[in-house]
Amino acid sequence: MARQRKENRDKIKLLVQESLKENHCFEALSNILCPLDPALLCKQIHISKCKTMDSKMKPIWIVFENADSFGQDINFIFKNGDDLRYVKHVID
């Protein structure tokens, strides 16, 4: 059961990453101001770090490269299509 769950999670992660690789998505989500903190500039998506969370609503975790070369990655969680949350501190 746990193995099948991990395989499903991996398939969903790949689907999200493949969707974000599409040219129109990648271009639209590059060099944008952070919608929740306009002091931050999101340079481009770190596609390999993006995933879906393992909860009922399957929120999507999106990671952007910070335009500030000394700044940390910019992390967002999208829930239910209209709930955007900025995650300030993430430990890898």
N, C-alpha and C. Protein backbone atom coordinates (compact mmCIF):
# COMPACT_ATOMS: atom_id res chain seq x y z
N MET A 1 0.82 -1.19 0.00
CA MET A 1 0.00 0.00 0.00
C MET A 1 0.87 1.26 0.00
N ALA A 2 1.90 1.28 0.85
CA ALA A 2 2.78 2.45 0.93
C ALA A 2 3.55 2.65 -0.37
N ARG A 3 3.94 1.54 -0.98
CA ARG A 3 4.68 1.61 -2.25
C ARG A 3 3.81 2.22 -3.35
N GLN A 4 2.55 1.79 -3.43
CA GLN A 4 1.64 2.31 -4.44
C GLN A 4 1.39 3.80 -4.20
N ARG A 5 1.27 4.19 -2.97
CA ARG A 5 1.06 5.60 -2.62
C ARG A 5 2.25 6.45 -3.06
N LYS A 6 3.47 5.94 -2.83
CA LYS A 6 4.68 6.66 -3.25
C LYS A 6 4.74 6.76 -4.76
N GLU A 7 4.39 5.69 -5.46
CA GLU A 7 4.38 5.71 -6.93
C GLU A 7 3.38 6.74 -7.45
N ASN A 8 2.19 6.81 -6.85
CA ASN A 8 1.20 7.81 -7.26
C ASN A 8 1.71 9.22 -7.00
N ARG A 9 2.34 9.44 -5.85
CA ARG A 9 2.90 10.75 -5.51
C ARG A 9 3.98 11.14 -6.52
N ASP A 10 4.82 10.19 -6.90
CA ASP A 10 5.88 10.45 -7.88
C ASP A 10 5.29 10.79 -9.25
N LYS A 11 4.22 10.09 -9.65
CA LYS A 11 3.57 10.38 -10.93
C LYS A 11 2.98 11.78 -10.95
N ILE A 12 2.35 12.17 -9.85
CA ILE A 12 1.77 13.51 -9.76
C ILE A 12 2.86 14.56 -9.80
N LYS A 13 3.96 14.33 -9.10
CA LYS A 13 5.09 15.27 -9.09
C LYS A 13 5.61 15.46 -10.51
N LEU A 14 5.79 14.37 -11.24
CA LEU A 14 6.27 14.45 -12.62
C LEU A 14 5.28 15.19 -13.51
N LEU A 15 4.00 14.96 -13.31
CA LEU A 15 2.98 15.66 -14.09
C LEU A 15 3.04 17.17 -13.85
N VAL A 16 3.17 17.58 -12.59
CA VAL A 16 3.29 19.00 -12.25
C VAL A 16 4.54 19.58 -12.89
N GLN A 17 5.67 18.88 -12.78
CA GLN A 17 6.92 19.38 -13.33
C GLN A 17 6.86 19.48 -14.85
N GLU A 18 6.26 18.50 -15.51
CA GLU A 18 6.13 18.54 -16.97
C GLU A 18 5.24 19.71 -17.40
N SER A 19 4.17 19.96 -16.66
CA SER A 19 3.29 21.09 -16.98
C SER A 19 4.03 22.41 -16.86
N LEU A 20 4.85 22.54 -15.82
CA LEU A 20 5.58 23.79 -15.61
C LEU A 20 6.69 24.00 -16.63
N LYS A 21 7.14 22.92 -17.26
CA LYS A 21 8.18 23.02 -18.30
C LYS A 21 7.63 23.56 -19.62
N GLU A 22 6.31 23.50 -19.78
CA GLU A 22 5.72 23.99 -21.03
C GLU A 22 6.11 25.45 -21.21
N ASN A 23 6.46 25.81 -22.42
CA ASN A 23 7.02 27.12 -22.73
C ASN A 23 6.15 28.26 -22.22
N HIS A 24 4.84 28.19 -22.45
CA HIS A 24 3.98 29.29 -22.03
C HIS A 24 3.96 29.45 -20.51
N CYS A 25 4.03 28.36 -19.77
CA CYS A 25 4.06 28.45 -18.30
C CYS A 25 5.40 28.99 -17.82
N PHE A 26 6.47 28.45 -18.38
CA PHE A 26 7.81 28.85 -17.93
C PHE A 26 8.03 30.34 -18.19
N GLU A 27 7.64 30.81 -19.38
CA GLU A 27 7.82 32.23 -19.71
C GLU A 27 6.92 33.12 -18.86
N ALA A 28 5.69 32.71 -18.66
CA ALA A 28 4.74 33.53 -17.88
C ALA A 28 5.16 33.63 -16.42
N LEU A 29 5.86 32.64 -15.92
CA LEU A 29 6.25 32.61 -14.52
C LEU A 29 7.73 32.92 -14.31
N SER A 30 8.32 33.68 -15.21
CA SER A 30 9.72 34.10 -15.08
C SER A 30 9.78 35.61 -14.94
N ASN A 31 10.70 36.07 -14.11
CA ASN A 31 10.93 37.50 -13.89
C ASN A 31 9.67 38.25 -13.50
N ILE A 32 9.02 37.76 -12.44
CA ILE A 32 7.80 38.39 -11.94
C ILE A 32 8.01 38.86 -10.50
N LEU A 33 7.32 39.90 -10.12
CA LEU A 33 7.34 40.33 -8.73
C LEU A 33 6.54 39.33 -7.91
N CYS A 34 7.03 39.06 -6.74
CA CYS A 34 6.33 38.17 -5.82
C CYS A 34 4.97 38.79 -5.49
N PRO A 35 3.87 38.12 -5.75
CA PRO A 35 2.55 38.71 -5.53
C PRO A 35 2.23 38.99 -4.06
N LEU A 36 2.90 38.31 -3.16
CA LEU A 36 2.64 38.52 -1.74
C LEU A 36 3.70 39.36 -1.05
N ASP A 37 4.82 39.63 -1.73
CA ASP A 37 5.88 40.49 -1.21
C ASP A 37 6.59 41.13 -2.39
N PRO A 38 6.10 42.28 -2.87
CA PRO A 38 6.64 42.91 -4.08
C PRO A 38 8.12 43.33 -3.98
N ALA A 39 8.70 43.21 -2.80
CA ALA A 39 10.13 43.50 -2.65
C ALA A 39 10.98 42.37 -3.24
N LEU A 40 10.36 41.23 -3.52
CA LEU A 40 11.08 40.08 -4.06
C LEU A 40 10.79 39.92 -5.55
N LEU A 41 11.82 39.57 -6.30
CA LEU A 41 11.65 39.29 -7.73
C LEU A 41 11.91 37.81 -7.95
N CYS A 42 10.92 37.13 -8.49
CA CYS A 42 11.03 35.70 -8.81
C CYS A 42 11.66 35.57 -10.19
N LYS A 43 12.88 35.07 -10.24
CA LYS A 43 13.61 35.00 -11.51
C LYS A 43 13.05 33.92 -12.43
N GLN A 44 13.05 32.69 -11.97
CA GLN A 44 12.49 31.58 -12.74
C GLN A 44 12.16 30.43 -11.82
N ILE A 45 11.37 29.51 -12.32
CA ILE A 45 10.93 28.36 -11.51
C ILE A 45 12.06 27.34 -11.40
N HIS A 46 12.25 26.80 -10.20
CA HIS A 46 13.13 25.65 -9.98
C HIS A 46 12.25 24.41 -10.16
N ILE A 47 12.10 23.97 -11.38
CA ILE A 47 11.14 22.91 -11.69
C ILE A 47 11.42 21.63 -10.90
N SER A 48 12.67 21.28 -10.71
CA SER A 48 12.98 20.03 -10.02
C SER A 48 12.58 20.06 -8.55
N LYS A 49 12.35 21.24 -7.97
CA LYS A 49 11.95 21.36 -6.57
C LYS A 49 10.44 21.48 -6.40
N CYS A 50 9.69 21.59 -7.47
CA CYS A 50 8.25 21.73 -7.39
C CYS A 50 7.59 20.37 -7.19
N LYS A 51 6.48 20.36 -6.45
CA LYS A 51 5.81 19.09 -6.14
C LYS A 51 4.40 19.37 -5.67
N THR A 52 3.66 18.32 -5.44
CA THR A 52 2.36 18.44 -4.79
C THR A 52 2.53 17.94 -3.36
N MET A 53 1.79 18.55 -2.47
CA MET A 53 1.84 18.16 -1.07
C MET A 53 0.92 16.96 -0.88
N ASP A 54 1.21 16.17 0.12
CA ASP A 54 0.45 14.95 0.37
C ASP A 54 -0.66 15.21 1.37
N SER A 55 -1.65 15.97 0.94
CA SER A 55 -2.82 16.22 1.78
C SER A 55 -4.07 16.14 0.91
N LYS A 56 -5.22 16.25 1.52
CA LYS A 56 -6.48 16.03 0.83
C LYS A 56 -6.66 16.93 -0.40
N MET A 57 -6.29 18.22 -0.29
CA MET A 57 -6.52 19.17 -1.38
C MET A 57 -5.39 19.17 -2.42
N LYS A 58 -4.33 18.41 -2.19
CA LYS A 58 -3.19 18.30 -3.10
C LYS A 58 -2.64 19.68 -3.52
N PRO A 59 -2.28 20.52 -2.53
CA PRO A 59 -1.71 21.82 -2.89
C PRO A 59 -0.39 21.65 -3.65
N ILE A 60 -0.09 22.61 -4.49
CA ILE A 60 1.12 22.57 -5.30
C ILE A 60 2.17 23.46 -4.65
N TRP A 61 3.37 22.93 -4.47
CA TRP A 61 4.50 23.65 -3.91
C TRP A 61 5.35 24.12 -5.09
N ILE A 62 5.44 25.45 -5.26
CA ILE A 62 6.20 26.03 -6.37
C ILE A 62 7.41 26.76 -5.78
N VAL A 63 8.59 26.51 -6.34
CA VAL A 63 9.82 27.13 -5.87
C VAL A 63 10.41 27.97 -6.99
N PHE A 64 10.69 29.24 -6.68
CA PHE A 64 11.30 30.16 -7.62
C PHE A 64 12.72 30.48 -7.20
N GLU A 65 13.57 30.71 -8.19
CA GLU A 65 14.90 31.23 -7.93
C GLU A 65 14.75 32.72 -7.62
N ASN A 66 15.39 33.16 -6.57
CA ASN A 66 15.36 34.56 -6.18
C ASN A 66 16.29 35.34 -7.11
N ALA A 67 15.84 36.48 -7.64
CA ALA A 67 16.67 37.32 -8.51
C ALA A 67 17.87 37.88 -7.75
N ASP A 68 17.72 38.00 -6.43
CA ASP A 68 18.84 38.42 -5.58
C ASP A 68 19.74 37.21 -5.38
N SER A 69 20.94 37.26 -5.92
CA SER A 69 21.84 36.10 -5.87
C SER A 69 22.21 35.70 -4.44
N PHE A 70 22.01 36.60 -3.47
CA PHE A 70 22.29 36.28 -2.08
C PHE A 70 21.02 35.86 -1.32
N GLY A 71 19.88 35.97 -1.97
CA GLY A 71 18.61 35.63 -1.33
C GLY A 71 18.29 34.14 -1.44
N GLN A 72 17.43 33.68 -0.54
CA GLN A 72 16.98 32.29 -0.56
C GLN A 72 15.93 32.11 -1.65
N ASP A 73 15.70 30.85 -2.02
CA ASP A 73 14.62 30.55 -2.96
C ASP A 73 13.31 31.09 -2.40
N ILE A 74 12.39 31.38 -3.30
CA ILE A 74 11.07 31.89 -2.94
C ILE A 74 10.08 30.75 -3.11
N ASN A 75 9.40 30.39 -2.04
CA ASN A 75 8.53 29.22 -2.01
C ASN A 75 7.08 29.62 -1.83
N PHE A 76 6.20 29.01 -2.63
CA PHE A 76 4.77 29.25 -2.55
C PHE A 76 4.03 27.93 -2.45
N ILE A 77 2.87 27.98 -1.82
CA ILE A 77 1.94 26.86 -1.83
C ILE A 77 0.64 27.38 -2.43
N PHE A 78 0.17 26.72 -3.48
CA PHE A 78 -1.12 27.05 -4.10
C PHE A 78 -2.13 26.01 -3.65
N LYS A 79 -3.20 26.47 -3.03
CA LYS A 79 -4.26 25.56 -2.59
C LYS A 79 -5.54 25.91 -3.30
N ASN A 80 -6.19 24.95 -3.85
CA ASN A 80 -7.54 25.10 -4.37
C ASN A 80 -7.69 26.19 -5.42
N GLY A 81 -6.61 26.53 -6.11
CA GLY A 81 -6.67 27.48 -7.21
C GLY A 81 -6.77 28.94 -6.84
N ASP A 82 -7.19 29.27 -5.61
CA ASP A 82 -7.33 30.68 -5.26
C ASP A 82 -6.69 31.03 -3.92
N ASP A 83 -6.01 30.11 -3.31
CA ASP A 83 -5.37 30.34 -2.03
C ASP A 83 -3.87 30.23 -2.23
N LEU A 84 -3.17 31.36 -2.21
CA LEU A 84 -1.73 31.42 -2.41
C LEU A 84 -1.07 31.76 -1.09
N ARG A 85 -0.06 30.99 -0.73
CA ARG A 85 0.66 31.25 0.52
C ARG A 85 2.15 31.30 0.24
N TYR A 86 2.79 32.29 0.82
CA TYR A 86 4.22 32.47 0.71
C TYR A 86 4.88 31.79 1.89
N VAL A 87 5.83 30.91 1.65
CA VAL A 87 6.51 30.19 2.70
C VAL A 87 7.88 30.84 2.85
N LYS A 88 8.09 31.55 3.95
CA LYS A 88 9.30 32.34 4.11
C LYS A 88 10.54 31.50 4.40
N HIS A 89 10.44 30.54 5.26
CA HIS A 89 11.63 29.79 5.67
C HIS A 89 11.43 28.31 5.39
N VAL A 90 12.30 27.79 4.56
CA VAL A 90 12.24 26.37 4.24
C VAL A 90 13.63 25.79 4.44
N ILE A 91 13.72 24.70 5.14
CA ILE A 91 14.99 24.03 5.36
C ILE A 91 15.00 22.80 4.46
N ASP A 92 15.98 22.70 3.59
CA ASP A 92 16.10 21.54 2.69
C ASP A 92 16.75 20.39 3.40
